[in-house]
């Protein structure tokens, strides 16, 4: 299966690069990636073992990690959890990113 054929949508992603001296997240410049974006509620388990409620999912072959911020249709979605999907042969298929509560983006 070629997952790229299903990634006909696009989002902007700001990758988290660390934190500043005040403990606030610092992000790299925004870039566009191809993906499939779906709105769906789901409880997901984060890498630290806690549970979180996701309100959207994003499927992409681009690298994505917890803490990144995705912008879609004027709203920012924090990445809560990422699952690396593989085929039965163990080959990488796509990343499944589960996104948190949205907030309206008022500036770029």
Protein backbone atom coordinates (compact mmCIF):
# COMPACT_ATOMS: atom_id res chain seq x y z
CA UNK A 1 0.00 0.00 0.00
CA UNK A 2 1.26 3.45 -0.89
CA UNK A 3 0.12 5.84 1.83
CA UNK A 4 1.34 8.89 -0.10
CA UNK A 5 -1.64 8.55 -2.47
CA UNK A 6 -3.97 9.31 0.46
CA UNK A 7 -2.04 12.39 1.61
CA UNK A 8 -3.81 14.88 -0.65
CA UNK A 9 -4.25 17.60 1.97
CA UNK A 10 -1.71 19.92 3.47
CA UNK A 11 -1.02 21.53 6.83
CA UNK A 12 1.57 23.87 8.28
CA UNK A 13 3.78 22.46 11.01
CA UNK A 14 6.00 24.19 13.53
CA UNK A 15 8.45 21.68 14.99
CA UNK A 16 9.28 22.09 18.66
CA UNK A 17 12.99 22.69 19.15
CA UNK A 18 13.09 23.09 22.93
CA UNK A 19 12.12 25.52 25.67
CA UNK A 20 13.24 29.02 26.54
CA UNK A 21 14.42 30.29 29.92
CA UNK A 22 10.78 30.74 31.03
CA UNK A 23 9.83 27.13 30.27
CA UNK A 24 7.82 28.09 27.18
CA UNK A 25 8.11 25.98 24.01
CA UNK A 26 10.32 27.24 21.17
CA UNK A 27 9.42 26.30 17.59
CA UNK A 28 11.29 26.18 14.27
CA UNK A 29 9.93 28.20 11.34
CA UNK A 30 6.63 26.91 9.93
CA UNK A 31 6.78 24.54 6.95
CA UNK A 32 4.14 22.85 4.79
CA UNK A 33 3.71 19.05 4.72
CA UNK A 34 1.39 16.71 2.78
CA UNK A 35 -1.04 14.74 4.92
CA UNK A 36 -4.52 13.39 5.49
CA UNK A 37 -6.40 15.34 8.21
CA UNK A 38 -9.43 13.85 9.96
CA UNK A 39 -11.55 15.19 12.78
CA UNK A 40 -12.32 12.40 15.24
CA UNK A 41 -12.33 12.13 19.01
CA UNK A 42 -10.13 9.47 20.57
CA UNK A 43 -8.41 8.84 23.88
CA UNK A 44 -4.68 8.34 23.27
CA UNK A 45 -1.76 7.32 25.46
CA UNK A 46 1.17 9.70 25.44
CA UNK A 47 4.84 8.66 25.63
CA UNK A 48 4.90 9.45 29.38
CA UNK A 49 2.01 7.03 30.05
CA UNK A 50 -0.70 9.64 30.60
CA UNK A 51 -3.96 9.65 28.65
CA UNK A 52 -5.19 12.60 26.60
CA UNK A 53 -8.29 13.36 24.54
CA UNK A 54 -7.49 13.91 20.86
CA UNK A 55 -9.97 15.74 18.63
CA UNK A 56 -8.22 15.16 15.28
CA UNK A 57 -5.77 12.81 13.58
CA UNK A 58 -3.14 13.54 10.95
CA UNK A 59 -1.55 10.88 8.73
CA UNK A 60 1.74 11.72 7.00
CA UNK A 61 5.08 10.29 5.91
CA UNK A 62 6.81 13.48 7.09
CA UNK A 63 8.58 13.42 10.47
CA UNK A 64 6.35 14.64 13.31
CA UNK A 65 6.75 14.46 17.09
CA UNK A 66 4.91 15.13 20.33
CA UNK A 67 5.07 18.81 21.17
CA UNK A 68 5.00 20.01 17.55
CA UNK A 69 2.20 22.38 16.55
CA UNK A 70 0.04 21.82 13.45
CA UNK A 71 -1.95 24.61 11.78
CA UNK A 72 -5.01 23.65 9.75
CA UNK A 73 -7.87 25.90 8.59
CA UNK A 74 -6.70 28.78 10.79
CA UNK A 75 -6.45 26.73 13.99
CA UNK A 76 -3.42 25.48 15.92
CA UNK A 77 -3.42 21.88 17.13
CA UNK A 78 -0.74 20.61 19.54
CA UNK A 79 0.55 17.11 18.74
CA UNK A 80 -0.36 14.88 21.71
CA UNK A 81 0.88 11.48 20.52
CA UNK A 82 2.51 9.92 17.46
CA UNK A 83 2.28 6.29 16.31
CA UNK A 84 4.63 4.94 13.66
CA UNK A 85 2.50 2.66 11.45
CA UNK A 86 4.21 -0.26 9.74
CA UNK A 87 3.14 -2.88 7.22
CA UNK A 88 2.95 -6.60 8.01
CA UNK A 89 6.50 -6.85 6.64
CA UNK A 90 7.67 -4.31 9.22
CA UNK A 91 8.23 -1.51 6.69
CA UNK A 92 7.35 2.09 7.56
CA UNK A 93 3.97 3.17 6.12
CA UNK A 94 3.14 6.48 7.78
CA UNK A 95 3.11 8.48 11.00
CA UNK A 96 -0.24 8.82 12.76
CA UNK A 97 -0.31 12.01 14.84
CA UNK A 98 -3.13 12.62 17.30
CA UNK A 99 -3.88 16.29 17.86
CA UNK A 100 -5.22 18.19 20.83
CA UNK A 101 -7.73 20.94 21.40
CA UNK A 102 -7.65 23.67 18.82
CA UNK A 103 -7.22 27.38 19.28
CA UNK A 104 -7.68 30.12 16.72
CA UNK A 105 -4.41 31.47 15.31
CA UNK A 106 -4.53 35.26 15.29
CA UNK A 107 -1.01 35.93 14.02
CA UNK A 108 1.52 34.04 11.91
